[in-house]
Amino acid sequence: MSFDRVDWVQIGYAALDTLAMLGGALFFTVLFGLPLGVILFLTGRGQLLQQGAIYGALSFVLNILRSVPFIILLIVLMPVTTILTGTSLGVRGVIPPLVVGTTAFFARLVETALREVDRGVIDASRAMGGTVGQIVFRALLPEALPGIIAGITVTAIVLVDYTAMSGAIGGGGIGDLAIRYGYQRFQTEVMVVTVILLIVLVQLLQAAGNRLVLHFSRK
């Protein structure tokens, strides 16, 4: 196998596009998913703001979003994406479906991380007269921070997978390059390079996430 036909400049631009999609989508996923996860936790059974109707409705919507395969979500959301960004292709056209596809997933991870916080922390905060907001921001979120960071790491890796998948509909980035050149033009060397790049990116994300979790964990 020869790598003479590999356009390294094009590979570089594709990698930057993938990083742009990953960064933009991860930012909005955390922005929307974190409060959703907190609401899910607070309105759950036996929690501070127990509301079965709200929890049930929100869970139902999130479960629907999580059950739709991402490639189908990409196609279904094309009209909405075009309205929001002016295009359904490239980096801008992929970020909205990426956010929709992972926000529900991340919200569930946040809910799980909050449920793992010792109940005594909540009871102690309530005994000291803390409001719901104070309990959330001064007790729950700091205690659940390592779990939330772990959830962000997992979500980022899922986003890498989704960005590669978006190449099937012209989403840009490494996945688009792999499909257009590696698959459709039978350039095996391009496919190999793109796969290696995705593996390296996932390894770096996991390593960074592990270090942050370890840093914020209370021993």
Foldseek 3Di string as FASTA:
>chain_A
DDCPPPDVVQQVVLAVLLVLLLVLLLVLLCVQQQVLLVVLQQCPPPHVNPDVVVNVVSLVVLVVLQPDDLVVLLVVCQVVLCVVQVGCAESSNVSVSLSSNQSSVLSNQNNVLLVPFPVVQVVVCVVVVHDPVCCVPVPRCLQSVLSSLVSSLVSSLVSLVSCLVCLVVRHGHLNVQCCVCVPPVVPVSSVVVSVVVSVVVNVVSVVVSVVVSVVSDDD
